[in-house]
Protein backbone atom coordinates (compact mmCIF):
# COMPACT_ATOMS: atom_id res chain seq x y z
CA UNK A 1 -112.35 82.34 44.03
CA UNK A 2 -116.32 83.17 42.53
CA UNK A 3 -116.48 86.63 43.97
CA UNK A 4 -113.14 87.75 42.16
CA UNK A 5 -114.77 86.12 38.94
CA UNK A 6 -117.86 87.97 39.69
CA UNK A 7 -116.37 91.15 39.40
CA UNK A 8 -113.97 90.04 36.86
CA UNK A 9 -116.99 89.82 34.83
CA UNK A 10 -118.74 92.86 35.82
CA UNK A 11 -115.18 94.79 34.76
CA UNK A 12 -115.02 93.22 31.31
CA UNK A 13 -119.38 93.91 31.01
CA UNK A 14 -118.56 98.08 31.69
CA UNK A 15 -116.14 97.96 29.16
CA UNK A 16 -117.65 96.13 26.78
CA UNK A 17 -115.22 93.17 26.52
CA UNK A 18 -116.33 89.60 25.70
CA UNK A 19 -115.34 87.08 28.64
CA UNK A 20 -112.80 85.37 26.25
CA UNK A 21 -110.74 88.87 25.81
CA UNK A 22 -108.14 90.04 27.37
CA UNK A 23 -107.97 92.85 29.29
CA UNK A 24 -105.56 96.27 28.98
CA UNK A 25 -102.37 96.34 30.28
CA UNK A 26 -102.12 98.09 34.18
CA UNK A 27 -99.18 100.55 32.56
CA UNK A 28 -102.41 102.12 30.67
CA UNK A 29 -103.76 103.64 33.87
CA UNK A 30 -100.22 105.73 33.92
CA UNK A 31 -100.06 106.22 29.96
CA UNK A 32 -103.72 107.82 30.03
CA UNK A 33 -102.93 110.08 33.67
CA UNK A 34 -100.23 111.61 31.25
CA UNK A 35 -102.06 112.62 28.55
CA UNK A 36 -104.65 113.71 30.82
CA UNK A 37 -101.99 115.91 32.66
CA UNK A 38 -100.90 116.97 29.07
CA UNK A 39 -104.17 118.50 27.67
CA UNK A 40 -104.89 119.82 31.64
CA UNK A 41 -108.09 117.37 31.79
CA UNK A 42 -108.62 118.61 35.48
CA UNK A 43 -108.36 121.97 35.11
CA UNK A 44 -110.49 122.30 32.32
CA UNK A 45 -112.96 120.06 34.22
CA UNK A 46 -112.49 122.63 36.98
CA UNK A 47 -113.31 125.37 35.15
CA UNK A 48 -116.58 123.95 33.34
CA UNK A 49 -117.87 123.59 37.07
CA UNK A 50 -117.40 126.73 37.48
CA UNK A 51 -118.71 128.03 34.29
CA UNK A 52 -122.01 125.95 35.12
CA UNK A 53 -122.35 128.07 38.41
CA UNK A 54 -121.97 131.07 36.34
CA UNK A 55 -125.01 130.63 34.51
CA UNK A 56 -127.10 129.40 37.25
CA UNK A 57 -126.00 132.83 38.09
CA UNK A 58 -124.44 131.46 41.80
CA UNK A 59 -120.93 133.75 41.05
CA UNK A 60 -120.94 137.22 40.59
CA UNK A 61 -118.65 140.35 39.76
CA UNK A 62 -118.88 141.81 43.32
CA UNK A 63 -117.16 139.77 46.21
CA UNK A 64 -114.12 137.89 46.57
CA UNK A 65 -111.71 136.30 49.05
CA UNK A 66 -108.57 134.55 49.01
CA UNK A 67 -106.37 131.97 51.32
CA UNK A 68 -103.97 129.59 51.51
CA UNK A 69 -103.42 126.38 53.30
CA UNK A 70 -101.25 123.31 53.30
CA UNK A 71 -101.10 119.91 51.32
CA UNK A 72 -98.89 117.49 53.47
CA UNK A 73 -96.85 115.61 51.00
CA UNK A 74 -96.35 111.80 50.28
CA UNK A 75 -92.78 111.81 50.66
CA UNK A 76 -91.40 111.13 54.13
CA UNK A 77 -89.51 113.64 56.38
CA UNK A 78 -86.49 110.65 55.80
CA UNK A 79 -86.31 111.50 52.25
CA UNK A 80 -84.95 115.03 52.76
CA UNK A 81 -81.53 114.43 52.56
CA UNK A 82 -78.80 116.93 51.58
CA UNK A 83 -78.77 117.65 47.97
CA UNK A 84 -74.46 117.12 48.11
CA UNK A 85 -74.89 113.58 49.72
CA UNK A 86 -73.90 110.63 47.97
CA UNK A 87 -74.70 107.48 47.80
CA UNK A 88 -78.49 107.82 48.69
CA UNK A 89 -79.54 108.35 52.40
CA UNK A 90 -78.01 106.98 55.45
CA UNK A 91 -78.82 105.07 58.50
CA UNK A 92 -79.23 101.30 59.22
CA UNK A 93 -80.41 98.08 57.01
CA UNK A 94 -83.83 99.25 56.92
CA UNK A 95 -83.22 102.94 55.50
CA UNK A 96 -83.97 104.69 58.96
CA UNK A 97 -81.94 108.34 59.35
CA UNK A 98 -81.39 109.66 62.32
CA UNK A 99 -81.66 113.97 61.75
CA UNK A 100 -81.85 115.03 65.08
CA UNK A 101 -79.94 117.97 66.15
CA UNK A 102 -79.44 118.58 62.00
CA UNK A 103 -80.07 122.06 59.96
CA UNK A 104 -82.23 121.22 57.33
CA UNK A 105 -83.09 124.01 54.78
CA UNK A 106 -84.91 123.82 51.48
CA UNK A 107 -81.81 125.73 49.84
CA UNK A 108 -79.61 122.88 50.74
CA UNK A 109 -81.65 120.02 51.24
CA UNK A 110 -84.49 118.00 49.26
CA UNK A 111 -86.66 115.10 49.21
CA UNK A 112 -85.47 112.09 47.37
CA UNK A 113 -88.89 111.11 47.21
CA UNK A 114 -90.76 113.73 45.67
CA UNK A 115 -88.08 116.51 45.02
CA UNK A 116 -90.76 119.20 44.52
CA UNK A 117 -92.27 119.35 47.89
CA UNK A 118 -90.71 121.58 50.66
CA UNK A 119 -89.93 121.67 54.28
CA UNK A 120 -92.38 124.05 56.01
CA UNK A 121 -94.61 124.89 58.93
CA UNK A 122 -97.69 126.48 59.67
CA UNK A 123 -96.86 128.35 62.39
CA UNK A 124 -94.28 129.29 65.10
CA UNK A 125 -94.23 126.41 67.36
CA UNK A 126 -95.50 123.52 64.88
CA UNK A 127 -93.56 120.86 63.52
CA UNK A 128 -92.15 121.12 60.13
CA UNK A 129 -93.86 119.16 57.20
CA UNK A 130 -92.99 118.41 53.30
CA UNK A 131 -95.54 120.15 51.73
CA UNK A 132 -97.58 121.79 48.69
CA UNK A 133 -99.65 124.83 49.18
CA UNK A 134 -103.15 125.24 48.08
CA UNK A 135 -104.34 128.73 46.97
CA UNK A 136 -108.15 129.13 46.56
CA UNK A 137 -110.29 131.93 45.56
CA UNK A 138 -113.54 131.81 46.56
CA UNK A 139 -116.56 133.77 45.85
CA UNK A 140 -118.24 135.58 49.20
CA UNK A 141 -122.38 135.03 48.42
CA UNK A 142 -122.42 131.53 47.77
CA UNK A 143 -119.01 130.19 49.06
CA UNK A 144 -118.27 128.71 45.98
CA UNK A 145 -114.56 128.00 45.21
CA UNK A 146 -114.03 129.49 41.51
CA UNK A 147 -110.12 128.89 41.16
CA UNK A 148 -107.90 126.49 43.26
CA UNK A 149 -104.04 125.74 42.80
CA UNK A 150 -101.13 124.15 44.17
CA UNK A 151 -98.31 125.71 44.24
CA UNK A 152 -94.52 125.20 45.90
CA UNK A 153 -94.95 125.90 49.82
CA UNK A 154 -92.15 128.21 49.12
CA UNK A 155 -93.24 131.59 48.13
CA UNK A 156 -95.09 134.92 48.32
CA UNK A 157 -98.95 133.79 48.43
CA UNK A 158 -99.93 137.61 48.34
CA UNK A 159 -98.24 137.10 44.54
CA UNK A 160 -100.17 133.98 43.58
CA UNK A 161 -103.83 135.75 44.93
CA UNK A 162 -103.01 138.68 42.27
CA UNK A 163 -102.26 136.27 39.67
CA UNK A 164 -105.08 134.48 40.59
CA UNK A 165 -107.22 137.89 39.75
CA UNK A 166 -105.82 138.54 36.63
CA UNK A 167 -106.80 134.34 35.50
CA UNK A 168 -110.24 135.48 36.90
CA UNK A 169 -110.94 137.93 34.59
CA UNK A 170 -109.52 136.04 32.12
CA UNK A 171 -112.58 133.95 32.39
CA UNK A 172 -114.80 136.62 32.68
CA UNK A 173 -115.23 137.02 36.25
CA UNK A 174 -114.06 140.26 37.49
CA UNK A 175 -113.80 141.13 41.07
CA UNK A 176 -114.97 144.41 42.80
CA UNK A 177 -113.44 143.23 46.24
CA UNK A 178 -111.11 140.76 47.42
CA UNK A 179 -110.95 140.17 51.17
CA UNK A 180 -107.54 137.62 52.76
CA UNK A 181 -106.39 137.34 56.46
CA UNK A 182 -103.54 138.79 57.71
CA UNK A 183 -101.02 137.36 56.06
CA UNK A 184 -102.04 139.47 53.16
CA UNK A 185 -100.73 142.31 54.71
CA UNK A 186 -98.09 143.70 52.04
CA UNK A 187 -97.48 146.39 49.23
CA UNK A 188 -97.62 143.89 46.87
CA UNK A 189 -100.96 142.41 47.70
CA UNK A 190 -102.46 145.65 48.04
CA UNK A 191 -100.71 147.50 45.30
CA UNK A 192 -101.41 144.31 42.81
CA UNK A 193 -105.16 144.28 43.58
CA UNK A 194 -105.68 148.45 42.99
CA UNK A 195 -103.60 147.80 39.78
CA UNK A 196 -106.42 145.78 38.45
CA UNK A 197 -108.91 147.78 39.80
CA UNK A 198 -109.98 145.86 42.62
CA UNK A 199 -110.27 147.07 46.68
CA UNK A 200 -108.58 145.31 48.23
CA UNK A 201 -109.66 143.81 52.05
CA UNK A 202 -106.66 142.22 53.98
CA UNK A 203 -107.10 141.85 58.12
CA UNK A 204 -104.74 144.40 59.29
CA UNK A 205 -101.32 143.89 61.53
CA UNK A 206 -101.21 145.73 64.57
CA UNK A 207 -98.86 148.43 63.93
CA UNK A 208 -97.90 148.57 60.67
CA UNK A 209 -99.21 151.22 57.98
CA UNK A 210 -102.55 151.06 56.64
CA UNK A 211 -102.17 151.39 53.00
CA UNK A 212 -104.73 153.35 52.13
CA UNK A 213 -106.83 150.62 53.34
CA UNK A 214 -109.98 151.80 55.00
CA UNK A 215 -110.63 149.10 57.56
CA UNK A 216 -113.11 150.78 59.66
CA UNK A 217 -115.68 150.77 56.96
CA UNK A 218 -118.60 148.68 56.56
CA UNK A 219 -117.23 146.80 53.33
CA UNK A 220 -113.94 145.98 54.79
CA UNK A 221 -115.91 144.61 58.01
CA UNK A 222 -118.30 142.54 56.03
CA UNK A 223 -115.44 141.25 53.42
CA UNK A 224 -113.81 139.83 56.81
CA UNK A 225 -116.88 138.20 58.53
CA UNK A 226 -117.16 136.14 54.72
CA UNK A 227 -114.16 135.50 53.89
CA UNK A 228 -114.20 132.99 56.81
CA UNK A 229 -116.26 130.99 54.93
CA UNK A 230 -113.26 130.20 52.45
CA UNK A 231 -112.14 127.69 55.51
CA UNK A 232 -114.90 125.31 54.96
CA UNK A 233 -113.49 124.71 51.19
CA UNK A 234 -110.48 123.52 52.75
CA UNK A 235 -112.23 121.95 55.96
CA UNK A 236 -114.08 119.65 53.26
CA UNK A 237 -111.60 118.85 50.93
CA UNK A 238 -109.26 117.59 53.71
CA UNK A 239 -112.07 115.61 55.48
CA UNK A 240 -114.65 114.50 53.30
CA UNK A 241 -112.08 115.17 50.22
CA UNK A 242 -109.73 112.88 51.84
CA UNK A 243 -106.62 115.43 50.49
CA UNK A 244 -105.46 116.39 53.88
CA UNK A 245 -101.71 114.53 52.53
CA UNK A 246 -101.75 114.05 48.62
CA UNK A 247 -101.43 110.57 46.94
CA UNK A 248 -99.30 111.78 44.63
CA UNK A 249 -95.65 112.85 43.82
CA UNK A 250 -94.92 116.25 42.37
CA UNK A 251 -96.74 119.41 41.95
CA UNK A 252 -98.66 118.80 38.64
CA UNK A 253 -100.34 115.07 39.79
CA UNK A 254 -101.22 116.74 42.54
CA UNK A 255 -102.68 120.05 41.38
CA UNK A 256 -104.40 117.85 39.25
CA UNK A 257 -105.93 115.90 42.05
CA UNK A 258 -106.93 118.89 43.67
CA UNK A 259 -108.95 120.01 40.84
CA UNK A 260 -111.19 117.15 41.22
CA UNK A 261 -111.22 117.31 44.52
CA UNK A 262 -112.30 121.19 44.81
CA UNK A 263 -114.86 120.55 41.94
CA UNK A 264 -116.78 118.01 43.93
CA UNK A 265 -116.60 120.27 46.75
CA UNK A 266 -118.10 123.07 44.66
CA UNK A 267 -120.74 120.36 42.75
CA UNK A 268 -122.19 119.29 46.41
CA UNK A 269 -122.49 122.58 47.70
CA UNK A 270 -124.03 123.67 44.10
CA UNK A 271 -126.61 120.86 44.36
CA UNK A 272 -127.70 122.45 47.91
CA UNK A 273 -128.13 125.65 45.65
CA UNK A 274 -130.32 124.43 43.35
CA UNK A 275 -132.57 123.40 46.25
CA UNK A 276 -133.35 127.01 46.93
CA UNK A 277 -133.90 128.70 49.73
CA UNK A 278 -135.94 126.85 52.76
CA UNK A 279 -139.72 127.35 53.03
CA UNK A 280 -141.49 128.46 56.07
CA UNK A 281 -144.56 125.98 57.12
CA UNK A 282 -147.70 127.58 57.32
CA UNK A 283 -149.54 127.40 60.83
């Protein structure tokens, strides 16, 4: 009891409230979250972190990389039910449903918990999960994420990447080259980048038309080597940032939470960059 009272007094002191004053209702947090989403506060915060890095010279206008990852949704697979189902999910009294042997697709099924989450799998032979897609754009030289967006897991990663380059140009960042993995080897990505005066450097697919991409050039090979650093951003957000699985429902709230997590990843990286390169000890 004394410990709870101590925390309560400390919380009132933080809010500049007297011990006999009433605190705000718990619904205030939900109302504040609605206002933060409406005014895009998380996006503004992330953009301000990128602007700070650009002012310090840590974001150039030269070489960038794009990639996407899956963020597991909060909804359970048992909530993924047919859209025309009446009476809610079936099963026994505990809400368990046996869906083995059933064909479940996003066009005929949706989650009753989070309808915006889509059923996808990361690759052949992998289990399907309800998830969102996190799309990142990284500056190659210093490894900072300059744009991160949470979108529906169903869609073209190439189209999202092209739109991200357009957004970067509006923010005063004009990439010269953009590297990507094999998932971006498509006419939409290559043609979209060229229309925006950006040289595309996707990883080639065996047996596919080169589409004019100079895969043997030194610039392309260097871009392919640097683009792998974007996996460090995904790794940090999913481990240290605890964002392997979202704790929020819907695209809007998950996107806002991702802005804070990736911004924190940038701030950690910027703190190390501010120390400068290591100096060699003199004998």
